[in-house]
Amino acid sequence: MAMTCQMAGKSIFFSGFAVLIGMLGMLFINLPVMRALCLGGVLVVLTSVTISNTLLLALLGVFGHKINSFKVFPALQHMRENSTLWERIASFVMKHPIFFVLLMSGGLILMTIPIESMKLGVPTAEVLPPSYESRKGDDLLKQTYDVREANPIQIIVETHGTVWERAAIRDIQAYSDKIRHTSGVNQVRSFITVLGNHPPAQTAALLGPNRMKQRFEEQKLAKGHAALLVVVPRSDPESAETASLIRQLRQIDSGPLHALVTGRAAYRVDMLERINRGFPAMIGFVMLVTYAVLLSAFRSVLLPMKLC
């Protein structure tokens, strides 16, 4: 019985440790949601392994061999005990090792082919069932409005002086012109275009009344040293073309302005880039540590390579 408890404890430990490795690998993806999932998963597995290596073994010690008398489905267990199915399968495989090595290896390689066309994405309302209100609203929004207008690229620019000054207006217009001439941009809007996109001196004069400045502040288009530029792309916000456009916008020289490209599309690009950046390190970490654990458990060099 002691040997059974020892084997059970060792099995639980190594299986739990293997799960922990996979959880800890998520730390290589530098995203708060991944760290939260990692922490939650690690706590759950640690709790499970601790209970399994204490309470479970204590119960085995209390019941001893009597634990085998608690049969839930006696007929089914009796049939499985007398079955030779797995013995016959093992014997057949052992008699044809080369065939099954080629067959299983080919199957594994075939199943990895779709990885080449795998596309990561950020979940949207489309993942929800059509009966959900949020899904219905999202579908209606796409049918009624232009999805590019509803999800534009947003650029926040910070100026040295207030955005109402002539120099700041000139810098914002120059930066907006560069964006407007970028391939893939359909439209650029700001508080300057609302006023008619006049020369800096005329725009500054139109902003003279305080009520006009207050209007733009209420519309969240400009305030103090910051202004919002709304960039409407020509392609779908979720497409690869828009992702490429966002990278181009971040390379544009904003001059004396401090520009930050944000919005839903930019958020998606940043998240996927972090995932792609950390994914190889995560896979490498999981495979190396898993190999080391299995090497220690089985005292074999080839067997861990097969399991990894």
Protein backbone atom coordinates (compact mmCIF):
# COMPACT_ATOMS: atom_id res chain seq x y z
CA MET A 1 0.00 0.00 0.00
CA ALA A 2 2.88 2.33 0.78
CA MET A 3 4.30 1.67 -2.67
CA THR A 4 0.90 2.50 -4.21
CA CYS A 5 0.73 5.78 -2.31
CA GLN A 6 4.28 6.64 -3.34
CA MET A 7 3.54 5.97 -7.01
CA ALA A 8 0.29 7.93 -6.83
CA GLY A 9 2.00 10.87 -5.17
CA LYS A 10 4.81 10.88 -7.74
CA SER A 11 2.35 10.68 -10.62
CA ILE A 12 0.29 13.56 -9.24
CA PHE A 13 3.39 15.66 -8.65
CA PHE A 14 4.79 15.29 -12.16
CA SER A 15 1.42 15.78 -13.85
CA GLY A 16 0.77 18.91 -11.77
CA PHE A 17 4.26 20.20 -12.46
CA ALA A 18 3.74 19.74 -16.20
CA VAL A 19 0.57 21.87 -16.02
CA LEU A 20 2.42 24.52 -14.00
CA ILE A 21 5.06 24.74 -16.72
CA GLY A 22 2.42 25.50 -19.32
CA MET A 23 0.85 28.14 -17.06
CA LEU A 24 4.18 29.83 -16.27
CA GLY A 25 4.98 29.98 -19.98
CA MET A 26 2.23 32.62 -20.36
CA LEU A 27 4.43 35.06 -18.43
CA PHE A 28 6.51 35.49 -21.59
CA ILE A 29 3.51 37.28 -23.15
CA ASN A 30 3.66 40.73 -21.56
CA LEU A 31 -0.06 41.37 -21.18
CA PRO A 32 -1.97 41.90 -17.90
CA VAL A 33 -4.68 39.42 -18.93
CA MET A 34 -2.04 36.72 -19.52
CA ARG A 35 -0.40 37.38 -16.16
CA ALA A 36 -3.79 37.19 -14.46
CA LEU A 37 -4.59 33.87 -16.17
CA CYS A 38 -1.14 32.56 -15.25
CA LEU A 39 -1.51 33.53 -11.59
CA GLY A 40 -5.01 32.05 -11.33
CA GLY A 41 -3.97 28.83 -13.06
CA VAL A 42 -0.86 28.42 -10.91
CA LEU A 43 -2.84 28.92 -7.69
CA VAL A 44 -5.47 26.38 -8.77
CA VAL A 45 -2.89 23.76 -9.76
CA LEU A 46 -0.77 24.30 -6.64
CA THR A 47 -3.86 23.91 -4.46
CA SER A 48 -4.91 20.76 -6.32
CA VAL A 49 -1.45 19.18 -6.12
CA THR A 50 -1.11 20.03 -2.43
CA ILE A 51 -4.48 18.49 -1.59
CA SER A 52 -3.82 15.46 -3.78
CA ASN A 53 -0.45 14.81 -2.09
CA THR A 54 -1.90 15.16 1.41
CA LEU A 55 -5.62 14.49 1.68
CA LEU A 56 -5.72 11.85 -1.08
CA LEU A 57 -2.77 9.92 0.34
CA ALA A 58 -4.21 10.19 3.84
CA LEU A 59 -7.50 8.72 2.61
CA LEU A 60 -5.61 5.88 0.88
CA GLY A 61 -3.84 5.22 4.17
CA VAL A 62 -7.15 5.18 6.08
CA PHE A 63 -9.05 2.90 3.70
CA GLY A 64 -6.12 0.73 2.65
CA HIS A 65 -7.05 -2.14 0.32
CA LYS A 66 -10.70 -1.65 1.23
CA ILE A 67 -10.83 1.23 -1.24
CA ASN A 68 -11.09 -1.36 -4.03
CA SER A 69 -14.45 -2.47 -2.63
CA PHE A 70 -16.07 0.82 -3.59
CA LYS A 71 -17.10 -0.12 -7.13
CA VAL A 72 -19.40 2.33 -8.89
CA PHE A 73 -20.08 0.18 -11.96
CA PRO A 74 -19.12 -3.40 -11.01
CA ALA A 75 -20.24 -5.00 -14.28
CA LEU A 76 -18.32 -2.49 -16.38
CA GLN A 77 -15.20 -2.83 -14.27
CA HIS A 78 -15.36 -6.62 -14.42
CA MET A 79 -15.67 -6.51 -18.20
CA ARG A 80 -12.72 -4.14 -18.52
CA GLU A 81 -10.57 -6.27 -16.21
CA ASN A 82 -11.15 -9.33 -18.38
CA SER A 83 -10.72 -7.45 -21.65
CA THR A 84 -7.62 -8.09 -23.79
CA LEU A 85 -8.29 -5.24 -26.21
CA TRP A 86 -5.33 -3.08 -25.19
CA GLU A 87 -3.04 -6.11 -25.03
CA ARG A 88 -3.96 -7.07 -28.59
CA ILE A 89 -3.49 -3.48 -29.82
CA ALA A 90 -0.07 -3.24 -28.14
CA SER A 91 1.02 -6.57 -29.60
CA PHE A 92 -0.06 -5.56 -33.10
CA VAL A 93 1.79 -2.24 -32.88
CA MET A 94 4.95 -3.90 -31.55
CA LYS A 95 4.94 -6.32 -34.51
CA HIS A 96 4.80 -3.45 -37.04
CA PRO A 97 6.92 -0.64 -35.49
CA ILE A 98 8.20 0.97 -38.71
CA PHE A 99 4.73 1.20 -40.23
CA PHE A 100 3.22 2.88 -37.16
CA VAL A 101 6.18 5.26 -36.76
CA LEU A 102 5.68 6.48 -40.32
CA LEU A 103 1.89 6.52 -39.99
CA MET A 104 1.78 8.48 -36.73
CA SER A 105 4.59 10.85 -37.74
CA GLY A 106 2.83 11.59 -41.03
CA GLY A 107 -0.41 12.22 -39.16
CA LEU A 108 1.26 14.62 -36.73
CA ILE A 109 2.95 16.51 -39.56
CA LEU A 110 -0.35 16.69 -41.44
CA MET A 111 -2.09 18.16 -38.40
CA THR A 112 0.56 20.90 -38.07
CA ILE A 113 0.09 22.18 -41.64
CA PRO A 114 -2.83 24.54 -40.71
CA ILE A 115 -0.47 26.39 -38.35
CA GLU A 116 1.03 28.17 -41.38
CA SER A 117 -2.30 29.90 -42.08
CA MET A 118 -3.18 30.49 -38.42
CA LYS A 119 -4.31 34.05 -37.75
CA LEU A 120 -4.46 35.44 -34.24
CA GLY A 121 -7.21 37.90 -33.41
CA VAL A 122 -8.89 39.79 -30.61
CA PRO A 123 -12.38 38.47 -29.77
CA THR A 124 -15.27 40.65 -30.95
CA ALA A 125 -19.03 40.42 -30.56
CA GLU A 126 -19.08 37.84 -33.36
CA VAL A 127 -17.89 35.16 -30.92
CA LEU A 128 -21.19 35.48 -29.03
CA PRO A 129 -24.39 33.64 -30.01
CA PRO A 130 -26.76 35.64 -32.26
CA SER A 131 -29.35 35.69 -29.46
CA TYR A 132 -27.22 37.97 -27.24
CA GLU A 133 -28.22 41.63 -27.17
CA SER A 134 -24.64 42.83 -27.57
CA ARG A 135 -24.24 40.63 -30.67
CA LYS A 136 -27.52 41.92 -32.16
CA GLY A 137 -26.47 45.50 -31.54
CA ASP A 138 -23.07 44.94 -33.14
CA ASP A 139 -24.62 43.33 -36.22
CA LEU A 140 -27.11 46.20 -36.54
CA LEU A 141 -24.32 48.75 -36.18
CA LYS A 142 -22.39 47.13 -39.03
CA GLN A 143 -25.48 47.01 -41.23
CA THR A 144 -26.51 50.62 -40.58
CA TYR A 145 -23.18 52.45 -40.40
CA ASP A 146 -19.82 52.28 -42.07
CA VAL A 147 -17.66 50.13 -39.80
CA ARG A 148 -14.64 52.25 -40.71
CA GLU A 149 -16.38 55.40 -39.50
CA ALA A 150 -17.56 53.67 -36.32
CA ASN A 151 -14.06 52.38 -35.47
CA PRO A 152 -11.56 54.97 -36.71
CA ILE A 153 -7.89 55.26 -35.82
CA GLN A 154 -7.42 57.93 -33.16
CA ILE A 155 -4.27 60.02 -32.80
CA ILE A 156 -3.70 62.19 -29.76
CA VAL A 157 -1.24 65.03 -30.36
CA GLU A 158 0.35 67.12 -27.63
CA THR A 159 1.60 70.64 -28.37
CA HIS A 160 4.12 72.85 -26.56
CA GLY A 161 1.66 75.70 -26.31
CA THR A 162 -2.11 75.47 -26.21
CA VAL A 163 -3.81 73.99 -29.26
CA TRP A 164 -5.55 77.33 -29.88
CA GLU A 165 -2.29 79.12 -30.73
CA ARG A 166 -1.31 79.80 -34.33
CA ALA A 167 1.95 77.83 -34.11
CA ALA A 168 0.17 74.76 -32.71
CA ILE A 169 -2.50 74.96 -35.42
CA ARG A 170 0.21 75.15 -38.09
CA ASP A 171 2.00 72.08 -36.67
CA ILE A 172 -1.24 70.08 -36.45
CA GLN A 173 -2.16 70.97 -40.03
CA ALA A 174 1.28 69.96 -41.31
CA TYR A 175 1.07 66.65 -39.47
CA SER A 176 -2.49 66.07 -40.70
CA ASP A 177 -1.38 66.65 -44.31
CA LYS A 178 1.30 63.96 -43.95
CA ILE A 179 -1.30 61.53 -42.62
CA ARG A 180 -3.79 62.44 -45.35
CA HIS A 181 -1.23 61.59 -48.07
CA THR A 182 -0.44 58.20 -46.53
CA SER A 183 -1.61 55.22 -48.55
CA GLY A 184 -4.70 53.63 -47.01
CA VAL A 185 -6.07 56.80 -45.37
CA ASN A 186 -9.56 57.80 -46.44
CA GLN A 187 -10.13 60.88 -44.28
CA VAL A 188 -8.55 62.89 -41.45
CA ARG A 189 -10.71 64.97 -39.12
CA SER A 190 -9.88 67.36 -36.29
CA PHE A 191 -11.21 70.57 -34.76
CA ILE A 192 -9.36 72.40 -37.55
CA THR A 193 -11.28 70.58 -40.31
CA VAL A 194 -14.56 71.29 -38.47
CA LEU A 195 -13.79 75.00 -38.85
CA GLY A 196 -13.13 74.55 -42.57
CA ASN A 197 -9.38 73.77 -42.59
CA HIS A 198 -8.42 77.41 -43.13
CA PRO A 199 -4.87 78.80 -42.86
CA PRO A 200 -3.49 78.95 -39.30
CA ALA A 201 -4.06 82.70 -38.87
CA GLN A 202 -7.70 82.49 -39.95
CA THR A 203 -8.33 79.38 -37.85
CA ALA A 204 -6.85 81.10 -34.78
CA ALA A 205 -9.13 84.08 -35.40
CA LEU A 206 -12.19 81.83 -35.64
CA LEU A 207 -11.22 80.30 -32.29
CA GLY A 208 -11.17 83.70 -30.66
CA PRO A 209 -14.60 83.45 -28.96
CA ASN A 210 -14.46 81.35 -25.83
CA ARG A 211 -17.71 79.62 -26.72
CA MET A 212 -16.04 78.07 -29.78
CA LYS A 213 -13.20 76.65 -27.66
CA GLN A 214 -15.70 75.39 -25.13
CA ARG A 215 -17.63 73.65 -27.89
CA PHE A 216 -14.57 71.68 -29.01
CA GLU A 217 -13.71 70.82 -25.42
CA GLU A 218 -17.21 69.43 -24.90
CA GLN A 219 -16.88 67.39 -28.10
CA LYS A 220 -13.52 66.04 -26.81
CA LEU A 221 -11.74 67.28 -29.94
CA ALA A 222 -9.25 69.63 -28.27
CA LYS A 223 -8.38 70.92 -24.83
CA GLY A 224 -5.36 72.62 -23.35
CA HIS A 225 -2.23 71.10 -24.92
CA ALA A 226 -3.93 68.09 -26.54
CA ALA A 227 -5.98 67.57 -29.70
CA LEU A 228 -7.65 64.55 -31.29
CA LEU A 229 -7.12 63.53 -34.92
CA VAL A 230 -9.63 61.02 -36.27
CA VAL A 231 -8.22 58.92 -39.13
CA VAL A 232 -10.73 56.89 -41.16
CA PRO A 233 -8.99 54.03 -43.01
CA ARG A 234 -10.01 52.76 -46.42
CA SER A 235 -10.01 49.13 -45.27
CA ASP A 236 -11.81 47.26 -42.52
CA PRO A 237 -10.47 48.09 -39.03
CA GLU A 238 -9.83 44.38 -38.36
CA SER A 239 -7.92 43.81 -41.61
CA ALA A 240 -4.19 43.38 -42.16
CA GLU A 241 -4.20 46.51 -44.36
CA THR A 242 -5.35 48.66 -41.44
CA ALA A 243 -2.74 47.06 -39.18
CA SER A 244 -0.09 47.98 -41.75
CA LEU A 245 -1.50 51.52 -41.92
CA ILE A 246 -1.20 51.90 -38.15
CA ARG A 247 2.48 50.92 -38.33
CA GLN A 248 3.00 53.49 -41.11
CA LEU A 249 1.29 56.22 -39.09
CA ARG A 250 3.60 55.55 -36.16
CA GLN A 251 6.61 56.06 -38.43
CA ILE A 252 5.48 59.50 -39.67
CA ASP A 253 7.53 62.41 -38.36
CA SER A 254 5.18 64.52 -36.22
CA GLY A 255 7.64 67.41 -35.95
CA PRO A 256 7.36 69.33 -32.67
CA LEU A 257 4.22 67.42 -31.78
CA HIS A 258 4.08 64.36 -29.57
CA ALA A 259 1.74 61.93 -31.33
CA LEU A 260 0.15 58.77 -29.91
CA VAL A 261 -1.70 56.42 -32.27
CA THR A 262 -4.51 54.68 -30.41
CA GLY A 263 -8.07 53.41 -30.84
CA ARG A 264 -9.60 49.96 -31.15
CA ALA A 265 -7.62 48.98 -34.26
CA ALA A 266 -4.33 50.12 -32.70
CA TYR A 267 -5.18 48.24 -29.51
CA ARG A 268 -5.66 45.08 -31.57
CA VAL A 269 -2.33 45.56 -33.35
CA ASP A 270 -0.42 46.12 -30.11
CA MET A 271 -1.97 43.10 -28.40
CA LEU A 272 -1.28 40.74 -31.31
CA GLU A 273 2.31 42.00 -31.63
CA ARG A 274 2.94 41.28 -27.96
CA ILE A 275 1.46 37.82 -28.30
CA ASN A 276 3.53 37.08 -31.42
CA ARG A 277 6.65 38.43 -29.76
CA GLY A 278 6.29 36.27 -26.67
CA PHE A 279 4.89 33.13 -28.30
CA PRO A 280 8.23 31.58 -29.45
CA ALA A 281 9.80 32.13 -26.01
CA MET A 282 6.75 30.58 -24.34
CA ILE A 283 6.85 27.47 -26.55
CA GLY A 284 10.62 27.10 -26.09
CA PHE A 285 10.34 27.47 -22.30
CA VAL A 286 7.53 24.90 -22.03
CA MET A 287 9.34 22.34 -24.20
CA LEU A 288 12.75 22.71 -22.51
CA VAL A 289 11.45 22.58 -18.94
CA THR A 290 9.03 19.75 -19.77
CA TYR A 291 11.92 17.79 -21.30
CA ALA A 292 14.03 18.36 -18.17
CA VAL A 293 11.21 17.20 -15.89
CA LEU A 294 10.50 14.10 -17.97
CA LEU A 295 14.23 13.34 -18.18
CA SER A 296 14.37 13.40 -14.40
CA ALA A 297 11.22 11.29 -14.07
CA PHE A 298 11.93 8.56 -16.65
CA ARG A 299 15.77 8.60 -16.71
CA SER A 300 15.61 8.45 -20.50
CA VAL A 301 16.89 10.78 -23.21
CA LEU A 302 14.65 9.62 -26.06
CA LEU A 303 11.36 9.10 -24.21
CA PRO A 304 11.02 12.79 -23.13
CA MET A 305 11.75 13.85 -26.72
CA LYS A 306 8.86 11.70 -27.91
CA LEU A 307 6.48 13.04 -25.25
CA CYS A 308 7.46 16.66 -25.88
